[in-house]
C-alpha atoms as a PDB file:
ATOM      1  CA  MET A   1       0.000   0.000   0.000  1.00  0.00           C
ATOM      2  CA  LYS A   2       1.451   3.312  -1.108  1.00  0.00           C
ATOM      3  CA  LEU A   3       1.599   6.013   1.537  1.00  0.00           C
ATOM      4  CA  THR A   4       0.059   9.392   0.762  1.00  0.00           C
ATOM      5  CA  GLU A   5       2.141  12.528   1.147  1.00  0.00           C
ATOM      6  CA  ALA A   6       0.132  13.427   4.257  1.00  0.00           C
ATOM      7  CA  GLN A   7       0.953  10.039   5.808  1.00  0.00           C
ATOM      8  CA  MET A   8       4.647  10.385   4.993  1.00  0.00           C
ATOM      9  CA  LEU A   9       4.744  13.888   6.493  1.00  0.00           C
ATOM     10  CA  LYS A  10       2.874  12.589   9.549  1.00  0.00           C
ATOM     11  CA  ILE A  11       5.539   9.917  10.082  1.00  0.00           C
ATOM     12  CA  LEU A  12       8.319  12.488   9.580  1.00  0.00           C
ATOM     13  CA  LEU A  13       6.797  14.950  12.065  1.00  0.00           C
ATOM     14  CA  LEU A  14       6.071  12.334  14.717  1.00  0.00           C
ATOM     15  CA  THR A  15       9.536  10.805  14.400  1.00  0.00           C
ATOM     16  CA  ILE A  16      11.399  14.107  14.511  1.00  0.00           C
ATOM     17  CA  GLY A  17       9.179  15.560  17.229  1.00  0.00           C
ATOM     18  CA  LEU A  18       9.723  12.563  19.504  1.00  0.00           C
ATOM     19  CA  ILE A  19      13.474  12.540  18.824  1.00  0.00           C
ATOM     20  CA  VAL A  20      13.733  16.266  19.612  1.00  0.00           C
ATOM     21  CA  LEU A  21      11.838  15.710  22.866  1.00  0.00           C
ATOM     22  CA  ALA A  22      13.980  12.733  23.823  1.00  0.00           C
ATOM     23  CA  THR A  23      17.306  14.361  22.946  1.00  0.00           C
ATOM     24  CA  THR A  24      16.406  17.619  24.707  1.00  0.00           C
ATOM     25  CA  ILE A  25      15.510  15.772  27.900  1.00  0.00           C
ATOM     26  CA  TRP A  26      18.599  13.558  27.557  1.00  0.00           C
ATOM     27  CA  ALA A  27      20.854  16.580  27.050  1.00  0.00           C
ATOM     28  CA  SER A  28      19.332  18.434  30.006  1.00  0.00           C
ATOM     29  CA  LEU A  29      20.012  15.456  32.286  1.00  0.00           C
ATOM     30  CA  GLN A  30      23.565  14.793  31.058  1.00  0.00           C
ATOM     31  CA  ALA A  31      25.042  18.136  30.037  1.00  0.00           C
ATOM     32  CA  GLU A  32      27.698  19.873  32.086  1.00  0.00           C
ATOM     33  CA  TYR A  33      29.017  22.428  29.611  1.00  0.00           C
ATOM     34  CA  PHE A  34      26.127  23.196  27.255  1.00  0.00           C
ATOM     35  CA  GLN A  35      22.374  22.757  26.688  1.00  0.00           C
ATOM     36  CA  ASP A  36      21.861  22.763  30.433  1.00  0.00           C
ATOM     37  CA  LYS A  37      19.757  25.869  30.969  1.00  0.00           C
ATOM     38  CA  ALA A  38      16.063  25.762  31.725  1.00  0.00           C
ATOM     39  CA  LEU A  39      15.024  28.254  29.020  1.00  0.00           C
ATOM     40  CA  GLN A  40      16.922  26.449  26.265  1.00  0.00           C
ATOM     41  CA  ASN A  41      15.510  23.115  27.333  1.00  0.00           C
ATOM     42  CA  MET A  42      12.013  24.576  27.413  1.00  0.00           C
ATOM     43  CA  GLY A  43      12.430  25.852  23.845  1.00  0.00           C
ATOM     44  CA  GLY A  44      13.391  22.399  22.586  1.00  0.00           C
ATOM     45  CA  ILE A  45      10.554  20.729  24.488  1.00  0.00           C
ATOM     46  CA  VAL A  46       7.958  23.184  23.117  1.00  0.00           C
ATOM     47  CA  PHE A  47       9.258  22.617  19.578  1.00  0.00           C
ATOM     48  CA  GLY A  48       9.045  18.858  20.016  1.00  0.00           C
ATOM     49  CA  VAL A  49       5.536  18.967  21.471  1.00  0.00           C
ATOM     50  CA  MET A  50       4.225  21.249  18.712  1.00  0.00           C
ATOM     51  CA  THR A  51       5.824  19.066  16.017  1.00  0.00           C
ATOM     52  CA  VAL A  52       4.274  15.901  17.461  1.00  0.00           C
ATOM     53  CA  THR A  53       0.891  17.639  17.805  1.00  0.00           C
ATOM     54  CA  LEU A  54       0.967  18.706  14.164  1.00  0.00           C
ATOM     55  CA  GLY A  55       1.870  15.169  13.143  1.00  0.00           C
ATOM     56  CA  LEU A  56      -1.021  13.702  15.146  1.00  0.00           C
ATOM     57  CA  ASN A  57      -3.490  16.113  13.555  1.00  0.00           C
ATOM     58  CA  LEU A  58      -2.506  15.373   9.947  1.00  0.00           C
ATOM     59  CA  ASP A  59      -4.880  13.112   8.046  1.00  0.00           C
ATOM     60  CA  ASN A  60      -5.868  12.441   4.444  1.00  0.00           C
ATOM     61  CA  SER A  61      -8.036  15.573   4.348  1.00  0.00           C
ATOM     62  CA  TYR A  62      -4.697  17.331   3.776  1.00  0.00           C
ATOM     63  CA  ASN A  63      -4.609  16.143   0.183  1.00  0.00           C
ATOM     64  CA  THR A  64      -2.548  18.884  -1.482  1.00  0.00           C
ATOM     65  CA  LYS A  65       0.959  20.219  -0.982  1.00  0.00           C
ATOM     66  CA  ALA A  66      -0.543  23.633  -0.307  1.00  0.00           C
ATOM     67  CA  SER A  67      -2.701  22.393   2.585  1.00  0.00           C
ATOM     68  CA  LEU A  68       0.218  20.428   4.036  1.00  0.00           C
ATOM     69  CA  LEU A  69       2.672  23.302   3.736  1.00  0.00           C
ATOM     70  CA  THR A  70       0.185  25.819   5.144  1.00  0.00           C
ATOM     71  CA  GLY A  71      -0.071  23.911   8.408  1.00  0.00           C
ATOM     72  CA  PHE A  72       3.633  23.125   8.364  1.00  0.00           C
ATOM     73  CA  VAL A  73       4.893  26.703   8.051  1.00  0.00           C
ATOM     74  CA  LEU A  74       2.365  28.008  10.599  1.00  0.00           C
ATOM     75  CA  VAL A  75       3.065  25.443  13.322  1.00  0.00           C
ATOM     76  CA  ILE A  76       6.759  24.798  12.693  1.00  0.00           C
ATOM     77  CA  GLY A  77       7.402  28.516  12.164  1.00  0.00           C
ATOM     78  CA  THR A  78       5.698  29.336  15.479  1.00  0.00           C
ATOM     79  CA  ALA A  79       7.513  26.479  17.227  1.00  0.00           C
ATOM     80  CA  TYR A  80      10.844  27.712  15.899  1.00  0.00           C
ATOM     81  CA  VAL A  81      10.130  31.285  17.017  1.00  0.00           C
ATOM     82  CA  THR A  82       9.387  29.959  20.510  1.00  0.00           C
ATOM     83  CA  ARG A  83      12.561  27.854  20.550  1.00  0.00           C
ATOM     84  CA  GLU A  84      14.819  30.664  19.353  1.00  0.00           C
ATOM     85  CA  PHE A  85      13.173  33.197  21.681  1.00  0.00           C
ATOM     86  CA  CYS A  86      13.987  30.894  24.602  1.00  0.00           C
ATOM     87  CA  PHE A  87      17.599  30.662  23.413  1.00  0.00           C
ATOM     88  CA  LEU A  88      17.722  34.442  22.935  1.00  0.00           C
ATOM     89  CA  ALA A  89      16.338  35.095  26.430  1.00  0.00           C
ATOM     90  CA  ALA A  90      18.870  32.666  27.909  1.00  0.00           C
ATOM     91  CA  GLY A  91      21.683  34.302  25.934  1.00  0.00           C
ATOM     92  CA  LEU A  92      20.732  37.786  27.140  1.00  0.00           C
ATOM     93  CA  ALA A  93      20.559  36.592  30.752  1.00  0.00           C
ATOM     94  CA  GLU A  94      23.873  34.765  30.548  1.00  0.00           C
ATOM     95  CA  ALA A  95      27.016  36.537  31.681  1.00  0.00           C
ATOM     96  CA  GLY A  96      29.884  36.102  29.232  1.00  0.00           C
ATOM     97  CA  GLY A  97      29.806  33.710  26.298  1.00  0.00           C
ATOM     98  CA  SER A  98      29.848  34.429  22.591  1.00  0.00           C
ATOM     99  CA  ILE A  99      27.472  37.218  21.566  1.00  0.00           C
ATOM    100  CA  ILE A 100      27.166  35.634  18.112  1.00  0.00           C
ATOM    101  CA  THR A 101      26.033  32.240  19.413  1.00  0.00           C
ATOM    102  CA  SER A 102      24.056  33.519  22.398  1.00  0.00           C
ATOM    103  CA  VAL A 103      22.299  36.575  20.943  1.00  0.00           C
ATOM    104  CA  ILE A 104      22.756  37.234  17.220  1.00  0.00           C
ATOM    105  CA  VAL A 105      22.046  33.709  15.934  1.00  0.00           C
ATOM    106  CA  PRO A 106      18.867  33.244  18.040  1.00  0.00           C
ATOM    107  CA  PHE A 107      17.671  36.734  17.047  1.00  0.00           C
ATOM    108  CA  ILE A 108      18.046  35.860  13.357  1.00  0.00           C
ATOM    109  CA  GLY A 109      16.204  32.608  14.065  1.00  0.00           C
ATOM    110  CA  VAL A 110      13.298  34.470  15.651  1.00  0.00           C
ATOM    111  CA  ILE A 111      12.927  36.685  12.570  1.00  0.00           C
ATOM    112  CA  MET A 112      13.039  33.729  10.173  1.00  0.00           C
ATOM    113  CA  GLY A 113      10.489  31.830  12.247  1.00  0.00           C
ATOM    114  CA  PHE A 114       8.145  34.834  12.176  1.00  0.00           C
ATOM    115  CA  VAL A 115       8.452  34.988   8.378  1.00  0.00           C
ATOM    116  CA  LEU A 116       7.427  31.332   8.110  1.00  0.00           C
ATOM    117  CA  SER A 117       4.410  31.549  10.427  1.00  0.00           C
ATOM    118  CA  TRP A 118       3.257  34.846   8.871  1.00  0.00           C
ATOM    119  CA  SER A 119       3.420  33.441   5.335  1.00  0.00           C
ATOM    120  CA  SER A 120       1.120  30.451   5.952  1.00  0.00           C
ATOM    121  CA  ARG A 121      -1.945  31.932   4.203  1.00  0.00           C
ATOM    122  CA  TYR A 122       0.059  32.971   1.167  1.00  0.00           C
ATOM    123  CA  VAL A 123       1.573  29.550   0.373  1.00  0.00           C
ATOM    124  CA  SER A 124      -1.936  28.073   0.045  1.00  0.00           C
ATOM    125  CA  GLY A 125      -2.971  30.738  -2.461  1.00  0.00           C
ATOM    126  CA  ARG A 126      -5.905  31.811  -0.278  1.00  0.00           C
ATOM    127  CA  LYS A 127      -4.458  35.232   0.438  1.00  0.00           C
ATOM    128  CA  LYS A 128      -3.354  37.356  -2.485  1.00  0.00           C
ATOM    129  CA  SER A 129      -0.697  40.027  -2.640  1.00  0.00           C
ATOM    130  CA  LYS A 130       0.985  42.079  -5.322  1.00  0.00           C
ATOM    131  CA  SER A 131       4.252  41.097  -3.656  1.00  0.00           C
ATOM    132  CA  ILE A 132       3.531  37.351  -3.679  1.00  0.00           C
ATOM    133  CA  GLN A 133       6.768  36.522  -5.498  1.00  0.00           C
ATOM    134  CA  SER A 134       8.735  38.468  -2.913  1.00  0.00           C
ATOM    135  CA  ILE A 135       6.941  36.565  -0.153  1.00  0.00           C
ATOM    136  CA  TRP A 136       7.896  33.271  -1.830  1.00  0.00           C
ATOM    137  CA  ALA A 137      11.522  34.425  -1.938  1.00  0.00           C
ATOM    138  CA  MET A 138      11.377  35.421   1.753  1.00  0.00           C
ATOM    139  CA  VAL A 139      10.025  32.011   2.754  1.00  0.00           C
ATOM    140  CA  VAL A 140      12.659  30.208   0.676  1.00  0.00           C
ATOM    141  CA  ALA A 141      15.357  32.417   2.190  1.00  0.00           C
ATOM    142  CA  SER A 142      14.053  31.708   5.704  1.00  0.00           C
ATOM    143  CA  PHE A 143      14.029  27.938   5.190  1.00  0.00           C
ATOM    144  CA  ALA A 144      17.506  28.081   3.632  1.00  0.00           C
ATOM    145  CA  GLY A 145      18.742  30.408   6.372  1.00  0.00           C
ATOM    146  CA  ILE A 146      17.514  28.123   9.145  1.00  0.00           C
ATOM    147  CA  CYS A 147      19.212  25.164   7.432  1.00  0.00           C
ATOM    148  CA  ILE A 148      22.450  27.174   7.417  1.00  0.00           C
ATOM    149  CA  LEU A 149      21.975  28.008  11.117  1.00  0.00           C
ATOM    150  CA  MET A 150      21.559  24.308  11.914  1.00  0.00           C
ATOM    151  CA  ILE A 151      24.764  23.490  10.024  1.00  0.00           C
ATOM    152  CA  TYR A 152      26.478  26.314  11.941  1.00  0.00           C
ATOM    153  CA  HIS A 153      25.321  24.825  15.245  1.00  0.00           C
ATOM    154  CA  ILE A 154      26.539  21.369  14.204  1.00  0.00           C
ATOM    155  CA  ILE A 155      29.973  22.793  13.339  1.00  0.00           C
ATOM    156  CA  GLN A 156      30.061  24.632  16.681  1.00  0.00           C
ATOM    157  CA  LEU A 157      29.426  21.336  18.496  1.00  0.00           C
ATOM    158  CA  ILE A 158      32.303  19.410  16.900  1.00  0.00           C
ATOM    159  CA  PRO A 159      35.020  20.708  19.310  1.00  0.00           C
ATOM    160  CA  LEU A 160      32.926  19.425  22.240  1.00  0.00           C
ATOM    161  CA  TYR A 161      33.118  15.815  21.039  1.00  0.00           C
ATOM    162  CA  GLY A 162      33.960  13.491  23.913  1.00  0.00           C
ATOM    163  CA  GLU A 163      33.510  16.095  26.655  1.00  0.00           C
ATOM    164  CA  THR A 164      30.042  14.936  27.683  1.00  0.00           C
ATOM    165  CA  PRO A 165      27.427  12.326  26.656  1.00  0.00           C
ATOM    166  CA  ALA A 166      25.081  15.226  25.896  1.00  0.00           C
ATOM    167  CA  PHE A 167      27.138  15.897  22.754  1.00  0.00           C
ATOM    168  CA  PHE A 168      25.348  13.119  20.893  1.00  0.00           C
ATOM    169  CA  ALA A 169      21.903  14.198  22.109  1.00  0.00           C
ATOM    170  CA  VAL A 170      22.364  17.763  20.912  1.00  0.00           C
ATOM    171  CA  LEU A 171      23.973  16.659  17.639  1.00  0.00           C
ATOM    172  CA  ILE A 172      21.084  14.303  16.829  1.00  0.00           C
ATOM    173  CA  GLY A 173      18.618  17.056  17.695  1.00  0.00           C
ATOM    174  CA  TYR A 174      20.222  19.526  15.289  1.00  0.00           C
ATOM    175  CA  PHE A 175      20.235  16.954  12.486  1.00  0.00           C
ATOM    176  CA  CYS A 176      16.494  16.466  13.085  1.00  0.00           C
ATOM    177  CA  TYR A 177      15.878  20.217  12.797  1.00  0.00           C
ATOM    178  CA  LEU A 178      17.943  20.253   9.611  1.00  0.00           C
ATOM    179  CA  VAL A 179      15.910  17.444   8.001  1.00  0.00           C
ATOM    180  CA  LEU A 180      12.636  19.155   8.899  1.00  0.00           C
ATOM    181  CA  PHE A 181      13.576  22.494   7.367  1.00  0.00           C
ATOM    182  CA  ILE A 182      15.098  20.871   4.290  1.00  0.00           C
ATOM    183  CA  TYR A 183      11.657  19.321   3.710  1.00  0.00           C
ATOM    184  CA  GLY A 184      10.069  22.779   3.923  1.00  0.00           C
ATOM    185  CA  LEU A 185      12.636  24.245   1.524  1.00  0.00           C
ATOM    186  CA  TYR A 186      12.138  21.372  -0.930  1.00  0.00           C
ATOM    187  CA  THR A 187       8.345  21.756  -0.866  1.00  0.00           C
ATOM    188  CA  MET A 188       8.551  25.462  -1.701  1.00  0.00           C
ATOM    189  CA  PHE A 189       9.884  24.461  -5.131  1.00  0.00           C
ATOM    190  CA  SER A 190       6.970  22.119  -5.913  1.00  0.00           C
ATOM    191  CA  TYR A 191       4.818  23.002  -8.926  1.00  0.00           C
ATOM    192  CA  GLU A 192       1.727  23.547  -6.806  1.00  0.00           C
ATOM    193  CA  ILE A 193       3.322  26.019  -4.417  1.00  0.00           C
ATOM    194  CA  LYS A 194       5.093  27.918  -7.192  1.00  0.00           C
ATOM    195  CA  TYR A 195       1.817  28.126  -9.126  1.00  0.00           C
ATOM    196  CA  ASN A 196      -0.094  29.382  -6.061  1.00  0.00           C
ATOM    197  CA  MET A 197       2.551  32.013  -5.490  1.00  0.00           C
ATOM    198  CA  LYS A 198       2.839  32.909  -9.200  1.00  0.00           C
ATOM    199  CA  ILE A 199       6.388  31.609  -9.610  1.00  0.00           C
ATOM    200  CA  GLY A 200       6.027  30.434 -13.216  1.00  0.00           C
ATOM    201  CA  VAL A 201       2.884  30.320 -15.365  1.00  0.00           C
ATOM    202  CA  LYS A 202       1.879  26.677 -15.749  1.00  0.00           C
ATOM    203  CA  PRO A 203      -0.859  25.217 -13.517  1.00  0.00           C
ATOM    204  CA  ALA A 204       0.113  22.548 -11.022  1.00  0.00           C
ATOM    205  CA  PRO A 205      -0.140  19.055 -12.516  1.00  0.00           C
ATOM    206  CA  GLU A 206      -3.107  16.982 -11.409  1.00  0.00           C
ATOM    207  CA  GLU A 207      -2.310  13.885  -9.384  1.00  0.00           C
END
């Protein structure tokens, strides 16, 4: 039996959401040098819970890429804003540390998350705008930017290898975030989404 796109996304969201929850809790219990602050842990837990909730609510009534992506960018965008805001608040409260990692990177993440959640009605084609192509470009840039931020975080973790068991928990978590946002970036280039947002002129192919 062939899985529908909604079923595949459901599996992806549930898997990643549960892994993010598990790795965040694991890291908070094991970490000595990083990922050990209450606000940061809360951000990861909220993201995981919202991702799992979205996955549980997906069914076959979401039968188009537009309907799937609309819910995805709204919920995942909001979840990411919450996560990055928690990291930003922790970074501002923390004495010392890198201003880039603790403040600037989370602040950029908050902005990109807001762009995603704000754009949800445009990707479905329900809300029109003369600047629809610019909105598409902003969403693509936000997905791509968050992917770059995840890669940046992964690179930042490498020197901590072997210092604590929490290294693996945090590393797995960041790879999960990366996979999730790569899916969003990939979907933005589908025929249906580009047609809804007037990127190209041909109608989306019927399935």
